[in-house]
Amino acid sequence: MTDPSNADPVSPVQPASTALPVHMVSHEVPVSAALSHLPELRNAVQVCEWMVEPVQGSTSRSLTLVLSENVSLCFLLSEEDAQDLGFALRRGQPDAAA
């Protein structure tokens, strides 16, 4: 077990579990599957906030999702995947010029 007092003071990133806490409320939502385009039920939780940030010393990006009750999950993305995700999210937003 690691002593938290010996943690690197420069890096605030600490390992976190990617498993959702038992008390997280999820809902089954029908989606059109990306590859098959067939309807599928997926377990989903509400995202309250999201951030895409550069990873220091790398071309990778970090995607952080803040869920209800201040639970956060962080994913490491390649530069290309981060650009694709940003494009998809912007495409889903209403046109600012309209």
N, C-alpha and C. Protein backbone atom coordinates (compact mmCIF):
# COMPACT_ATOMS: atom_id res chain seq x y z
N MET A 1 0.84 -1.16 0.00
CA MET A 1 0.00 0.00 0.00
C MET A 1 0.89 1.23 0.00
N THR A 2 0.51 2.27 -0.74
CA THR A 2 1.31 3.47 -0.88
C THR A 2 0.92 4.50 0.17
N ASP A 3 1.94 5.15 0.74
CA ASP A 3 1.70 6.21 1.71
C ASP A 3 1.32 7.48 0.96
N PRO A 4 0.08 8.05 1.17
CA PRO A 4 -0.34 9.22 0.43
C PRO A 4 0.54 10.45 0.70
N SER A 5 1.23 10.49 1.82
CA SER A 5 2.08 11.63 2.12
C SER A 5 3.32 11.65 1.22
N ASN A 6 3.63 10.52 0.57
CA ASN A 6 4.77 10.46 -0.34
C ASN A 6 4.36 10.68 -1.80
N ALA A 7 3.11 11.09 -2.03
CA ALA A 7 2.63 11.30 -3.40
C ALA A 7 3.39 12.44 -4.05
N ASP A 8 3.57 12.36 -5.36
CA ASP A 8 4.25 13.39 -6.13
C ASP A 8 3.46 14.69 -6.04
N PRO A 9 4.01 15.78 -5.46
CA PRO A 9 3.26 17.02 -5.30
C PRO A 9 3.01 17.74 -6.63
N VAL A 10 3.76 17.40 -7.68
CA VAL A 10 3.59 18.06 -8.96
C VAL A 10 2.39 17.49 -9.70
N SER A 11 2.13 16.22 -9.53
CA SER A 11 1.06 15.57 -10.26
C SER A 11 -0.13 15.28 -9.34
N PRO A 12 -1.26 16.02 -9.55
CA PRO A 12 -2.44 15.76 -8.72
C PRO A 12 -3.22 14.53 -9.17
N VAL A 13 -2.79 13.89 -10.24
CA VAL A 13 -3.51 12.73 -10.77
C VAL A 13 -3.25 11.53 -9.89
N GLN A 14 -4.29 10.96 -9.38
CA GLN A 14 -4.20 9.77 -8.55
C GLN A 14 -5.00 8.67 -9.23
N PRO A 15 -4.58 7.42 -9.11
CA PRO A 15 -5.34 6.33 -9.73
C PRO A 15 -6.76 6.29 -9.18
N ALA A 16 -7.69 6.01 -10.05
CA ALA A 16 -9.09 5.92 -9.63
C ALA A 16 -9.72 4.68 -10.23
N SER A 17 -10.69 4.18 -9.56
CA SER A 17 -11.41 3.02 -10.06
C SER A 17 -12.36 3.47 -11.18
N THR A 18 -12.46 2.69 -12.23
CA THR A 18 -13.40 3.03 -13.30
C THR A 18 -14.76 2.38 -13.08
N ALA A 19 -14.88 1.58 -12.03
CA ALA A 19 -16.17 0.96 -11.74
C ALA A 19 -17.11 2.01 -11.14
N LEU A 20 -18.36 2.00 -11.57
CA LEU A 20 -19.32 2.95 -11.03
C LEU A 20 -19.73 2.52 -9.63
N PRO A 21 -19.88 3.48 -8.73
CA PRO A 21 -20.34 3.13 -7.39
C PRO A 21 -21.72 2.48 -7.45
N VAL A 22 -22.00 1.66 -6.48
CA VAL A 22 -23.25 0.91 -6.45
C VAL A 22 -24.45 1.84 -6.44
N HIS A 23 -24.32 3.01 -5.80
CA HIS A 23 -25.46 3.91 -5.66
C HIS A 23 -25.73 4.77 -6.89
N MET A 24 -24.90 4.66 -7.95
CA MET A 24 -25.13 5.45 -9.16
C MET A 24 -26.41 4.98 -9.83
N VAL A 25 -27.26 5.91 -10.20
CA VAL A 25 -28.52 5.58 -10.84
C VAL A 25 -28.29 5.52 -12.34
N SER A 26 -28.54 4.37 -12.91
CA SER A 26 -28.40 4.23 -14.35
C SER A 26 -29.78 3.97 -14.95
N HIS A 27 -29.90 4.29 -16.20
CA HIS A 27 -31.16 4.10 -16.92
C HIS A 27 -30.85 3.33 -18.19
N GLU A 28 -31.74 2.44 -18.56
CA GLU A 28 -31.59 1.77 -19.85
C GLU A 28 -32.16 2.69 -20.91
N VAL A 29 -31.35 2.94 -21.93
CA VAL A 29 -31.79 3.80 -23.03
C VAL A 29 -31.65 3.04 -24.34
N PRO A 30 -32.63 3.20 -25.24
CA PRO A 30 -32.52 2.55 -26.55
C PRO A 30 -31.60 3.38 -27.45
N VAL A 31 -30.64 2.73 -28.10
CA VAL A 31 -29.73 3.42 -29.02
C VAL A 31 -29.71 2.66 -30.34
N SER A 32 -29.28 3.36 -31.37
CA SER A 32 -29.00 2.71 -32.64
C SER A 32 -27.52 2.38 -32.62
N ALA A 33 -27.17 1.12 -32.56
CA ALA A 33 -25.78 0.69 -32.41
C ALA A 33 -24.92 1.26 -33.53
N ALA A 34 -23.71 1.71 -33.17
CA ALA A 34 -22.83 2.39 -34.11
C ALA A 34 -22.46 1.51 -35.31
N LEU A 35 -22.19 0.24 -35.08
CA LEU A 35 -21.75 -0.62 -36.18
C LEU A 35 -22.90 -1.30 -36.91
N SER A 36 -23.84 -1.85 -36.15
CA SER A 36 -24.92 -2.61 -36.79
C SER A 36 -26.14 -1.74 -37.12
N HIS A 37 -26.25 -0.59 -36.48
CA HIS A 37 -27.40 0.32 -36.63
C HIS A 37 -28.70 -0.32 -36.17
N LEU A 38 -28.60 -1.43 -35.44
CA LEU A 38 -29.77 -2.08 -34.88
C LEU A 38 -30.06 -1.49 -33.51
N PRO A 39 -31.33 -1.48 -33.10
CA PRO A 39 -31.65 -0.96 -31.78
C PRO A 39 -31.10 -1.86 -30.67
N GLU A 40 -30.50 -1.24 -29.66
CA GLU A 40 -29.97 -1.96 -28.50
C GLU A 40 -30.28 -1.14 -27.26
N LEU A 41 -30.47 -1.85 -26.15
CA LEU A 41 -30.62 -1.17 -24.85
C LEU A 41 -29.24 -1.02 -24.23
N ARG A 42 -28.93 0.17 -23.73
CA ARG A 42 -27.65 0.42 -23.07
C ARG A 42 -27.91 1.02 -21.70
N ASN A 43 -27.06 0.65 -20.75
CA ASN A 43 -27.09 1.26 -19.43
C ASN A 43 -26.41 2.61 -19.52
N ALA A 44 -27.04 3.67 -19.05
CA ALA A 44 -26.47 5.01 -19.15
C ALA A 44 -26.67 5.76 -17.83
N VAL A 45 -25.70 6.61 -17.51
CA VAL A 45 -25.80 7.50 -16.35
C VAL A 45 -25.74 8.94 -16.85
N GLN A 46 -26.32 9.84 -16.08
CA GLN A 46 -26.34 11.26 -16.45
C GLN A 46 -24.95 11.88 -16.28
N VAL A 47 -24.46 12.57 -17.32
CA VAL A 47 -23.20 13.30 -17.24
C VAL A 47 -23.53 14.75 -16.92
N CYS A 48 -22.94 15.26 -15.84
CA CYS A 48 -23.19 16.64 -15.43
C CYS A 48 -22.21 17.62 -16.08
N GLU A 49 -21.00 17.16 -16.32
CA GLU A 49 -19.97 18.02 -16.89
C GLU A 49 -18.94 17.14 -17.59
N TRP A 50 -18.30 17.66 -18.63
CA TRP A 50 -17.23 16.91 -19.29
C TRP A 50 -16.13 17.88 -19.70
N MET A 51 -14.91 17.37 -19.76
CA MET A 51 -13.75 18.17 -20.13
C MET A 51 -12.80 17.32 -20.96
N VAL A 52 -12.23 17.91 -22.00
CA VAL A 52 -11.16 17.27 -22.76
C VAL A 52 -9.93 18.15 -22.54
N GLU A 53 -8.87 17.55 -22.00
CA GLU A 53 -7.68 18.31 -21.63
C GLU A 53 -6.44 17.63 -22.16
N PRO A 54 -5.39 18.42 -22.49
CA PRO A 54 -4.14 17.81 -22.95
C PRO A 54 -3.43 17.08 -21.82
N VAL A 55 -2.75 16.01 -22.17
CA VAL A 55 -1.94 15.27 -21.21
C VAL A 55 -0.52 15.82 -21.31
N GLN A 56 0.06 16.24 -20.20
CA GLN A 56 1.38 16.83 -20.21
C GLN A 56 2.42 15.86 -20.74
N GLY A 57 3.27 16.34 -21.65
CA GLY A 57 4.34 15.53 -22.19
C GLY A 57 3.88 14.48 -23.18
N SER A 58 2.67 14.64 -23.74
CA SER A 58 2.12 13.64 -24.64
C SER A 58 1.20 14.32 -25.64
N THR A 59 0.92 13.64 -26.75
CA THR A 59 -0.08 14.15 -27.68
C THR A 59 -1.47 13.63 -27.34
N SER A 60 -1.58 12.82 -26.31
CA SER A 60 -2.87 12.27 -25.88
C SER A 60 -3.73 13.34 -25.22
N ARG A 61 -4.99 13.02 -25.08
CA ARG A 61 -5.94 13.89 -24.40
C ARG A 61 -6.64 13.09 -23.31
N SER A 62 -7.05 13.79 -22.27
CA SER A 62 -7.79 13.18 -21.18
C SER A 62 -9.24 13.63 -21.29
N LEU A 63 -10.16 12.69 -21.28
CA LEU A 63 -11.59 12.98 -21.26
C LEU A 63 -12.08 12.69 -19.85
N THR A 64 -12.56 13.72 -19.17
CA THR A 64 -13.08 13.57 -17.81
C THR A 64 -14.58 13.77 -17.85
N LEU A 65 -15.32 12.82 -17.30
CA LEU A 65 -16.76 12.91 -17.18
C LEU A 65 -17.11 13.05 -15.71
N VAL A 66 -17.84 14.09 -15.36
CA VAL A 66 -18.31 14.28 -13.99
C VAL A 66 -19.76 13.85 -13.98
N LEU A 67 -20.04 12.83 -13.16
CA LEU A 67 -21.38 12.28 -13.07
C LEU A 67 -22.06 12.84 -11.84
N SER A 68 -23.28 12.44 -11.59
CA SER A 68 -23.99 12.91 -10.41
C SER A 68 -23.23 12.53 -9.14
N GLU A 69 -23.47 13.24 -8.09
CA GLU A 69 -22.83 13.02 -6.79
C GLU A 69 -21.31 13.15 -6.85
N ASN A 70 -20.81 14.00 -7.77
CA ASN A 70 -19.38 14.31 -7.91
C ASN A 70 -18.50 13.10 -8.16
N VAL A 71 -19.03 12.08 -8.79
CA VAL A 71 -18.23 10.94 -9.22
C VAL A 71 -17.64 11.32 -10.56
N SER A 72 -16.32 11.12 -10.72
CA SER A 72 -15.72 11.44 -12.01
C SER A 72 -14.95 10.25 -12.55
N LEU A 73 -14.98 10.14 -13.86
CA LEU A 73 -14.25 9.09 -14.58
C LEU A 73 -13.35 9.78 -15.58
N CYS A 74 -12.15 9.26 -15.75
CA CYS A 74 -11.19 9.87 -16.66
C CYS A 74 -10.72 8.81 -17.66
N PHE A 75 -10.71 9.19 -18.95
CA PHE A 75 -10.31 8.27 -20.01
C PHE A 75 -9.17 8.91 -20.79
N LEU A 76 -8.22 8.10 -21.23
CA LEU A 76 -7.11 8.56 -22.03
C LEU A 76 -7.43 8.33 -23.50
N LEU A 77 -7.37 9.40 -24.31
CA LEU A 77 -7.69 9.33 -25.72
C LEU A 77 -6.48 9.72 -26.57
N SER A 78 -6.38 9.12 -27.73
CA SER A 78 -5.35 9.56 -28.68
C SER A 78 -5.79 10.92 -29.23
N GLU A 79 -4.86 11.65 -29.81
CA GLU A 79 -5.17 12.95 -30.41
C GLU A 79 -6.29 12.82 -31.45
N GLU A 80 -6.21 11.79 -32.29
CA GLU A 80 -7.20 11.59 -33.35
C GLU A 80 -8.58 11.30 -32.77
N ASP A 81 -8.63 10.44 -31.74
CA ASP A 81 -9.92 10.12 -31.12
C ASP A 81 -10.52 11.34 -30.44
N ALA A 82 -9.69 12.17 -29.81
CA ALA A 82 -10.17 13.39 -29.17
C ALA A 82 -10.76 14.34 -30.21
N GLN A 83 -10.10 14.47 -31.37
CA GLN A 83 -10.62 15.32 -32.44
C GLN A 83 -11.95 14.78 -32.97
N ASP A 84 -12.02 13.46 -33.15
CA ASP A 84 -13.26 12.84 -33.63
C ASP A 84 -14.41 13.07 -32.64
N LEU A 85 -14.10 12.91 -31.37
CA LEU A 85 -15.11 13.10 -30.33
C LEU A 85 -15.58 14.56 -30.31
N GLY A 86 -14.63 15.48 -30.38
CA GLY A 86 -14.99 16.90 -30.40
C GLY A 86 -15.86 17.23 -31.60
N PHE A 87 -15.53 16.68 -32.77
CA PHE A 87 -16.32 16.90 -33.97
C PHE A 87 -17.74 16.37 -33.77
N ALA A 88 -17.86 15.17 -33.23
CA ALA A 88 -19.18 14.56 -33.02
C ALA A 88 -20.00 15.37 -32.02
N LEU A 89 -19.37 15.87 -30.96
CA LEU A 89 -20.11 16.66 -29.97
C LEU A 89 -20.54 18.00 -30.55
N ARG A 90 -19.68 18.64 -31.33
CA ARG A 90 -20.05 19.92 -31.95
C ARG A 90 -21.16 19.71 -32.98
N ARG A 91 -21.13 18.61 -33.70
CA ARG A 91 -22.15 18.31 -34.71
C ARG A 91 -23.52 18.16 -34.06
N GLY A 92 -23.56 17.67 -32.83
CA GLY A 92 -24.82 17.47 -32.13
C GLY A 92 -25.38 18.72 -31.49
N GLN A 93 -24.62 19.83 -31.51
CA GLN A 93 -25.07 21.08 -30.88
C GLN A 93 -25.84 21.91 -31.89
N PRO A 94 -26.78 22.73 -31.40
CA PRO A 94 -27.52 23.62 -32.32
C PRO A 94 -26.56 24.58 -33.01
N ASP A 95 -26.87 24.93 -34.25
CA ASP A 95 -26.03 25.85 -35.02
C ASP A 95 -26.08 27.24 -34.39
N ALA A 96 -24.91 27.81 -34.06
CA ALA A 96 -24.82 29.12 -33.41
C ALA A 96 -25.28 30.23 -34.36
N ALA A 97 -25.16 30.04 -35.67
CA ALA A 97 -25.54 31.06 -36.63
C ALA A 97 -27.05 31.12 -36.84
N ALA A 98 -27.76 30.08 -36.46
CA ALA A 98 -29.21 30.03 -36.70
C ALA A 98 -29.97 30.89 -35.74
